[in-house]
Amino acid sequence: MTWRYEEAGHRLEGRSHADGTCVYLEGPLHLAVRFAVWYRRLVPPAEELILCDDAYGFAVTVDVEVIPATVEWAVRAHE
């Protein structure tokens, strides 16, 4: 299943891996980060949640109490 979210002319598309271990996102970084922070609230705290690109050029852990700006800063620090 693929889903889309649009905001202010920007589109984020997502789909989950068949076994549920990964969510693939395509779209602007700010929307992907906001999704990851929102999704973190759905994942049990004991489970690690990592936001990364398709080549693992960055891999940022999304902690339970993190805010989007902190995650986006960590991603941009790896660019």
PDB file of N, CA and C in Angstrom:
ATOM      1  N   MET A   1       0.832  -1.174   0.000  1.00  0.00           N
ATOM      2  CA  MET A   1       0.000   0.000   0.000  1.00  0.00           C
ATOM      3  C   MET A   1       0.885   1.248   0.000  1.00  0.00           C
ATOM      4  N   THR A   2       0.586   2.162  -0.845  1.00  0.00           N
ATOM      5  CA  THR A   2       1.286   3.441  -0.910  1.00  0.00           C
ATOM      6  C   THR A   2       0.333   4.539  -0.475  1.00  0.00           C
ATOM      7  N   TRP A   3       0.840   5.495   0.256  1.00  0.00           N
ATOM      8  CA  TRP A   3       0.018   6.623   0.677  1.00  0.00           C
ATOM      9  C   TRP A   3       0.746   7.918   0.329  1.00  0.00           C
ATOM     10  N   ARG A   4      -0.028   9.000   0.295  1.00  0.00           N
ATOM     11  CA  ARG A   4       0.513  10.320  -0.019  1.00  0.00           C
ATOM     12  C   ARG A   4      -0.023  11.336   0.971  1.00  0.00           C
ATOM     13  N   TYR A   5       0.835  12.270   1.286  1.00  0.00           N
ATOM     14  CA  TYR A   5       0.457  13.400   2.132  1.00  0.00           C
ATOM     15  C   TYR A   5       0.945  14.654   1.434  1.00  0.00           C
ATOM     16  N   GLU A   6       0.071  15.645   1.314  1.00  0.00           N
ATOM     17  CA  GLU A   6       0.454  16.899   0.670  1.00  0.00           C
ATOM     18  C   GLU A   6       0.225  18.057   1.622  1.00  0.00           C
ATOM     19  N   GLU A   7       1.196  18.984   1.580  1.00  0.00           N
ATOM     20  CA  GLU A   7       1.108  20.170   2.425  1.00  0.00           C
ATOM     21  C   GLU A   7       1.841  21.307   1.734  1.00  0.00           C
ATOM     22  N   ALA A   8       1.157  22.408   1.523  1.00  0.00           N
ATOM     23  CA  ALA A   8       1.755  23.617   0.946  1.00  0.00           C
ATOM     24  C   ALA A   8       2.531  23.321  -0.336  1.00  0.00           C
ATOM     25  N   GLY A   9       1.973  22.489  -1.191  1.00  0.00           N
ATOM     26  CA  GLY A   9       2.603  22.184  -2.462  1.00  0.00           C
ATOM     27  C   GLY A   9       3.701  21.140  -2.412  1.00  0.00           C
ATOM     28  N   HIS A  10       3.956  20.563  -1.260  1.00  0.00           N
ATOM     29  CA  HIS A  10       4.970  19.516  -1.105  1.00  0.00           C
ATOM     30  C   HIS A  10       4.265  18.185  -0.888  1.00  0.00           C
ATOM     31  N   ARG A  11       4.834  17.121  -1.443  1.00  0.00           N
ATOM     32  CA  ARG A  11       4.222  15.800  -1.322  1.00  0.00           C
ATOM     33  C   ARG A  11       5.198  14.811  -0.702  1.00  0.00           C
ATOM     34  N   LEU A  12       4.695  14.047   0.250  1.00  0.00           N
ATOM     35  CA  LEU A  12       5.435  12.946   0.854  1.00  0.00           C
ATOM     36  C   LEU A  12       4.698  11.666   0.496  1.00  0.00           C
ATOM     37  N   GLU A  13       5.417  10.720  -0.089  1.00  0.00           N
ATOM     38  CA  GLU A  13       4.840   9.419  -0.411  1.00  0.00           C
ATOM     39  C   GLU A  13       5.503   8.384   0.478  1.00  0.00           C
ATOM     40  N   GLY A  14       4.748   7.419   0.903  1.00  0.00           N
ATOM     41  CA  GLY A  14       5.293   6.392   1.768  1.00  0.00           C
ATOM     42  C   GLY A  14       4.677   5.038   1.503  1.00  0.00           C
ATOM     43  N   ARG A  15       5.408   4.016   1.894  1.00  0.00           N
ATOM     44  CA  ARG A  15       4.908   2.642   1.852  1.00  0.00           C
ATOM     45  C   ARG A  15       5.694   1.854   2.872  1.00  0.00           C
ATOM     46  N   SER A  16       5.107   0.773   3.346  1.00  0.00           N
ATOM     47  CA  SER A  16       5.819  -0.033   4.329  1.00  0.00           C
ATOM     48  C   SER A  16       6.269  -1.339   3.698  1.00  0.00           C
ATOM     49  N   HIS A  17       7.365  -1.853   4.212  1.00  0.00           N
ATOM     50  CA  HIS A  17       7.886  -3.142   3.772  1.00  0.00           C
ATOM     51  C   HIS A  17       6.870  -4.216   4.152  1.00  0.00           C
ATOM     52  N   ALA A  18       6.801  -5.270   3.387  1.00  0.00           N
ATOM     53  CA  ALA A  18       5.817  -6.332   3.612  1.00  0.00           C
ATOM     54  C   ALA A  18       5.897  -6.915   5.016  1.00  0.00           C
ATOM     55  N   ASP A  19       7.096  -7.005   5.590  1.00  0.00           N
ATOM     56  CA  ASP A  19       7.211  -7.584   6.933  1.00  0.00           C
ATOM     57  C   ASP A  19       7.098  -6.539   8.040  1.00  0.00           C
ATOM     58  N   GLY A  20       6.866  -5.282   7.667  1.00  0.00           N
ATOM     59  CA  GLY A  20       6.644  -4.228   8.644  1.00  0.00           C
ATOM     60  C   GLY A  20       7.896  -3.668   9.288  1.00  0.00           C
ATOM     61  N   THR A  21       9.072  -4.074   8.841  1.00  0.00           N
ATOM     62  CA  THR A  21      10.308  -3.615   9.485  1.00  0.00           C
ATOM     63  C   THR A  21      10.807  -2.276   8.971  1.00  0.00           C
ATOM     64  N   CYS A  22      10.232  -1.770   7.886  1.00  0.00           N
ATOM     65  CA  CYS A  22      10.746  -0.544   7.294  1.00  0.00           C
ATOM     66  C   CYS A  22       9.607   0.245   6.665  1.00  0.00           C
ATOM     67  N   VAL A  23       9.688   1.555   6.770  1.00  0.00           N
ATOM     68  CA  VAL A  23       8.775   2.450   6.067  1.00  0.00           C
ATOM     69  C   VAL A  23       9.631   3.255   5.101  1.00  0.00           C
ATOM     70  N   TYR A  24       9.278   3.210   3.842  1.00  0.00           N
ATOM     71  CA  TYR A  24      10.009   3.939   2.804  1.00  0.00           C
ATOM     72  C   TYR A  24       9.293   5.253   2.548  1.00  0.00           C
ATOM     73  N   LEU A  25      10.048   6.353   2.544  1.00  0.00           N
ATOM     74  CA  LEU A  25       9.489   7.687   2.327  1.00  0.00           C
ATOM     75  C   LEU A  25      10.183   8.349   1.155  1.00  0.00           C
ATOM     76  N   GLU A  26       9.412   9.092   0.395  1.00  0.00           N
ATOM     77  CA  GLU A  26       9.984   9.890  -0.683  1.00  0.00           C
ATOM     78  C   GLU A  26       9.324  11.252  -0.658  1.00  0.00           C
ATOM     79  N   GLY A  27      10.149  12.277  -0.534  1.00  0.00           N
ATOM     80  CA  GLY A  27       9.628  13.634  -0.483  1.00  0.00           C
ATOM     81  C   GLY A  27      10.620  14.542   0.201  1.00  0.00           C
ATOM     82  N   PRO A  28      10.210  15.768   0.482  1.00  0.00           N
ATOM     83  CA  PRO A  28      11.131  16.720   1.106  1.00  0.00           C
ATOM     84  C   PRO A  28      11.493  16.303   2.534  1.00  0.00           C
ATOM     85  N   LEU A  29      12.704  16.642   2.907  1.00  0.00           N
ATOM     86  CA  LEU A  29      13.227  16.246   4.211  1.00  0.00           C
ATOM     87  C   LEU A  29      12.327  16.691   5.356  1.00  0.00           C
ATOM     88  N   HIS A  30      11.849  17.916   5.330  1.00  0.00           N
ATOM     89  CA  HIS A  30      11.063  18.409   6.473  1.00  0.00           C
ATOM     90  C   HIS A  30       9.805  17.578   6.696  1.00  0.00           C
ATOM     91  N   LEU A  31       9.180  17.088   5.632  1.00  0.00           N
ATOM     92  CA  LEU A  31       7.995  16.244   5.806  1.00  0.00           C
ATOM     93  C   LEU A  31       8.374  14.840   6.264  1.00  0.00           C
ATOM     94  N   ALA A  32       9.474  14.315   5.749  1.00  0.00           N
ATOM     95  CA  ALA A  32       9.927  12.987   6.177  1.00  0.00           C
ATOM     96  C   ALA A  32      10.297  12.995   7.655  1.00  0.00           C
ATOM     97  N   VAL A  33      10.932  14.046   8.102  1.00  0.00           N
ATOM     98  CA  VAL A  33      11.310  14.154   9.510  1.00  0.00           C
ATOM     99  C   VAL A  33      10.065  14.245  10.386  1.00  0.00           C
ATOM    100  N   ARG A  34       9.121  15.050   9.997  1.00  0.00           N
ATOM    101  CA  ARG A  34       7.886  15.162  10.792  1.00  0.00           C
ATOM    102  C   ARG A  34       7.167  13.824  10.861  1.00  0.00           C
ATOM    103  N   PHE A  35       7.133  13.089   9.747  1.00  0.00           N
ATOM    104  CA  PHE A  35       6.519  11.764   9.765  1.00  0.00           C
ATOM    105  C   PHE A  35       7.266  10.854  10.733  1.00  0.00           C
ATOM    106  N   ALA A  36       8.588  10.841  10.679  1.00  0.00           N
ATOM    107  CA  ALA A  36       9.385   9.963  11.540  1.00  0.00           C
ATOM    108  C   ALA A  36       9.135  10.263  13.016  1.00  0.00           C
ATOM    109  N   VAL A  37       9.042  11.529  13.377  1.00  0.00           N
ATOM    110  CA  VAL A  37       8.789  11.905  14.766  1.00  0.00           C
ATOM    111  C   VAL A  37       7.375  11.486  15.173  1.00  0.00           C
ATOM    112  N   TRP A  38       6.404  11.673  14.298  1.00  0.00           N
ATOM    113  CA  TRP A  38       5.040  11.224  14.583  1.00  0.00           C
ATOM    114  C   TRP A  38       4.996   9.703  14.713  1.00  0.00           C
ATOM    115  N   TYR A  39       5.633   9.005  13.786  1.00  0.00           N
ATOM    116  CA  TYR A  39       5.624   7.542  13.773  1.00  0.00           C
ATOM    117  C   TYR A  39       6.311   6.967  15.018  1.00  0.00           C
ATOM    118  N   ARG A  40       7.315   7.681  15.517  1.00  0.00           N
ATOM    119  CA  ARG A  40       8.020   7.246  16.727  1.00  0.00           C
ATOM    120  C   ARG A  40       7.039   7.012  17.872  1.00  0.00           C
ATOM    121  N   ARG A  41       5.971   7.826  17.926  1.00  0.00           N
ATOM    122  CA  ARG A  41       4.974   7.680  18.990  1.00  0.00           C
ATOM    123  C   ARG A  41       4.175   6.383  18.871  1.00  0.00           C
ATOM    124  N   LEU A  42       4.182   5.765  17.687  1.00  0.00           N
ATOM    125  CA  LEU A  42       3.444   4.518  17.468  1.00  0.00           C
ATOM    126  C   LEU A  42       4.297   3.280  17.732  1.00  0.00           C
ATOM    127  N   VAL A  43       5.602   3.456  17.733  1.00  0.00           N
ATOM    128  CA  VAL A  43       6.543   2.349  17.899  1.00  0.00           C
ATOM    129  C   VAL A  43       6.856   2.196  19.384  1.00  0.00           C
ATOM    130  N   PRO A  44       6.841   0.975  19.900  1.00  0.00           N
ATOM    131  CA  PRO A  44       7.171   0.780  21.318  1.00  0.00           C
ATOM    132  C   PRO A  44       8.537   1.389  21.652  1.00  0.00           C
ATOM    133  N   PRO A  45       8.659   2.026  22.801  1.00  0.00           N
ATOM    134  CA  PRO A  45       9.908   2.693  23.174  1.00  0.00           C
ATOM    135  C   PRO A  45      11.141   1.788  23.148  1.00  0.00           C
ATOM    136  N   ALA A  46      10.955   0.515  23.387  1.00  0.00           N
ATOM    137  CA  ALA A  46      12.101  -0.407  23.393  1.00  0.00           C
ATOM    138  C   ALA A  46      12.642  -0.671  21.991  1.00  0.00           C
ATOM    139  N   GLU A  47      11.852  -0.368  20.955  1.00  0.00           N
ATOM    140  CA  GLU A  47      12.280  -0.584  19.574  1.00  0.00           C
ATOM    141  C   GLU A  47      13.057   0.627  19.072  1.00  0.00           C
ATOM    142  N   GLU A  48      14.168   0.377  18.399  1.00  0.00           N
ATOM    143  CA  GLU A  48      14.953   1.463  17.820  1.00  0.00           C
ATOM    144  C   GLU A  48      14.297   1.919  16.517  1.00  0.00           C
ATOM    145  N   LEU A  49      14.235   3.210  16.323  1.00  0.00           N
ATOM    146  CA  LEU A  49      13.710   3.774  15.078  1.00  0.00           C
ATOM    147  C   LEU A  49      14.797   4.647  14.476  1.00  0.00           C
ATOM    148  N   ILE A  50      15.163   4.360  13.234  1.00  0.00           N
ATOM    149  CA  ILE A  50      16.241   5.076  12.556  1.00  0.00           C
ATOM    150  C   ILE A  50      15.695   5.695  11.277  1.00  0.00           C
ATOM    151  N   LEU A  51      16.031   6.945  11.057  1.00  0.00           N
ATOM    152  CA  LEU A  51      15.733   7.641   9.807  1.00  0.00           C
ATOM    153  C   LEU A  51      17.027   7.660   9.010  1.00  0.00           C
ATOM    154  N   CYS A  52      16.993   7.102   7.803  1.00  0.00           N
ATOM    155  CA  CYS A  52      18.197   7.063   6.974  1.00  0.00           C
ATOM    156  C   CYS A  52      17.802   7.251   5.511  1.00  0.00           C
ATOM    157  N   ASP A  53      18.799   7.533   4.677  1.00  0.00           N
ATOM    158  CA  ASP A  53      18.533   7.585   3.247  1.00  0.00           C
ATOM    159  C   ASP A  53      18.769   6.202   2.650  1.00  0.00           C
ATOM    160  N   ASP A  54      18.463   6.055   1.376  1.00  0.00           N
ATOM    161  CA  ASP A  54      18.539   4.728   0.741  1.00  0.00           C
ATOM    162  C   ASP A  54      19.958   4.188   0.642  1.00  0.00           C
ATOM    163  N   ALA A  55      20.964   5.043   0.768  1.00  0.00           N
ATOM    164  CA  ALA A  55      22.361   4.599   0.688  1.00  0.00           C
ATOM    165  C   ALA A  55      23.041   4.616   2.063  1.00  0.00           C
ATOM    166  N   TYR A  56      22.263   4.834   3.121  1.00  0.00           N
ATOM    167  CA  TYR A  56      22.798   4.967   4.480  1.00  0.00           C
ATOM    168  C   TYR A  56      23.865   6.055   4.556  1.00  0.00           C
ATOM    169  N   GLY A  57      23.668   7.121   3.770  1.00  0.00           N
ATOM    170  CA  GLY A  57      24.548   8.277   3.839  1.00  0.00           C
ATOM    171  C   GLY A  57      24.411   8.974   5.176  1.00  0.00           C
ATOM    172  N   PHE A  58      23.288   8.773   5.817  1.00  0.00           N
ATOM    173  CA  PHE A  58      23.071   9.216   7.189  1.00  0.00           C
ATOM    174  C   PHE A  58      22.137   8.201   7.837  1.00  0.00           C
ATOM    175  N   ALA A  59      22.247   8.083   9.119  1.00  0.00           N
ATOM    176  CA  ALA A  59      21.360   7.221   9.908  1.00  0.00           C
ATOM    177  C   ALA A  59      21.191   7.898  11.260  1.00  0.00           C
ATOM    178  N   VAL A  60      20.015   8.458  11.477  1.00  0.00           N
ATOM    179  CA  VAL A  60      19.744   9.226  12.686  1.00  0.00           C
ATOM    180  C   VAL A  60      18.722   8.475  13.524  1.00  0.00           C
ATOM    181  N   THR A  61      19.054   8.219  14.766  1.00  0.00           N
ATOM    182  CA  THR A  61      18.112   7.574  15.674  1.00  0.00           C
ATOM    183  C   THR A  61      17.039   8.581  16.068  1.00  0.00           C
ATOM    184  N   VAL A  62      15.792   8.155  15.987  1.00  0.00           N
ATOM    185  CA  VAL A  62      14.662   8.997  16.366  1.00  0.00           C
ATOM    186  C   VAL A  62      14.209   8.534  17.748  1.00  0.00           C
ATOM    187  N   ASP A  63      14.603   9.303  18.770  1.00  0.00           N
ATOM    188  CA  ASP A  63      14.267   8.966  20.144  1.00  0.00           C
ATOM    189  C   ASP A  63      12.818   9.312  20.461  1.00  0.00           C
ATOM    190  N   VAL A  64      12.328   8.781  21.549  1.00  0.00           N
ATOM    191  CA  VAL A  64      10.926   8.934  21.924  1.00  0.00           C
ATOM    192  C   VAL A  64      10.530  10.394  22.121  1.00  0.00           C
ATOM    193  N   GLU A  65      11.334  11.188  22.763  1.00  0.00           N
ATOM    194  CA  GLU A  65      10.960  12.570  23.097  1.00  0.00           C
ATOM    195  C   GLU A  65      11.553  13.615  22.152  1.00  0.00           C
ATOM    196  N   VAL A  66      12.064  13.215  21.012  1.00  0.00           N
ATOM    197  CA  VAL A  66      12.738  14.142  20.107  1.00  0.00           C
ATOM    198  C   VAL A  66      11.726  15.035  19.382  1.00  0.00           C
ATOM    199  N   ILE A  67      12.203  16.213  18.959  1.00  0.00           N
ATOM    200  CA  ILE A  67      11.373  17.122  18.162  1.00  0.00           C
ATOM    201  C   ILE A  67      11.909  17.138  16.735  1.00  0.00           C
ATOM    202  N   PRO A  68      11.052  17.488  15.759  1.00  0.00           N
ATOM    203  CA  PRO A  68      11.487  17.469  14.358  1.00  0.00           C
ATOM    204  C   PRO A  68      12.750  18.287  14.079  1.00  0.00           C
ATOM    205  N   ALA A  69      12.875  19.454  14.673  1.00  0.00           N
ATOM    206  CA  ALA A  69      14.038  20.304  14.392  1.00  0.00           C
ATOM    207  C   ALA A  69      15.345  19.607  14.770  1.00  0.00           C
ATOM    208  N   THR A  70      15.346  18.856  15.841  1.00  0.00           N
ATOM    209  CA  THR A  70      16.547  18.153  16.280  1.00  0.00           C
ATOM    210  C   THR A  70      16.926  17.061  15.288  1.00  0.00           C
ATOM    211  N   VAL A  71      15.937  16.329  14.799  1.00  0.00           N
ATOM    212  CA  VAL A  71      16.197  15.267  13.818  1.00  0.00           C
ATOM    213  C   VAL A  71      16.693  15.876  12.513  1.00  0.00           C
ATOM    214  N   GLU A  72      16.047  16.929  12.057  1.00  0.00           N
ATOM    215  CA  GLU A  72      16.466  17.557  10.798  1.00  0.00           C
ATOM    216  C   GLU A  72      17.879  18.106  10.920  1.00  0.00           C
ATOM    217  N   TRP A  73      18.225  18.703  12.048  1.00  0.00           N
ATOM    218  CA  TRP A  73      19.581  19.202  12.257  1.00  0.00           C
ATOM    219  C   TRP A  73      20.586  18.057  12.175  1.00  0.00           C
ATOM    220  N   ALA A  74      20.275  16.908  12.798  1.00  0.00           N
ATOM    221  CA  ALA A  74      21.179  15.750  12.782  1.00  0.00           C
ATOM    222  C   ALA A  74      21.362  15.228  11.365  1.00  0.00           C
ATOM    223  N   VAL A  75      20.290  15.191  10.579  1.00  0.00           N
ATOM    224  CA  VAL A  75      20.398  14.730   9.186  1.00  0.00           C
ATOM    225  C   VAL A  75      21.272  15.691   8.396  1.00  0.00           C
ATOM    226  N   ARG A  76      21.021  16.973   8.515  1.00  0.00           N
ATOM    227  CA  ARG A  76      21.787  17.959   7.735  1.00  0.00           C
ATOM    228  C   ARG A  76      23.260  17.985   8.151  1.00  0.00           C
ATOM    229  N   ALA A  77      23.558  17.617   9.373  1.00  0.00           N
ATOM    230  CA  ALA A  77      24.947  17.564   9.818  1.00  0.00           C
ATOM    231  C   ALA A  77      25.724  16.485   9.091  1.00  0.00           C
ATOM    232  N   HIS A  78      25.026  15.509   8.515  1.00  0.00           N
ATOM    233  CA  HIS A  78      25.681  14.429   7.768  1.00  0.00           C
ATOM    234  C   HIS A  78      25.779  14.729   6.266  1.00  0.00           C
ATOM    235  N   GLU A  79      25.177  15.822   5.827  1.00  0.00           N
ATOM    236  CA  GLU A  79      25.209  16.146   4.387  1.00  0.00           C
ATOM    237  C   GLU A  79      26.541  16.712   3.978  1.00  0.00           C
TER     238      GLU A  79
END
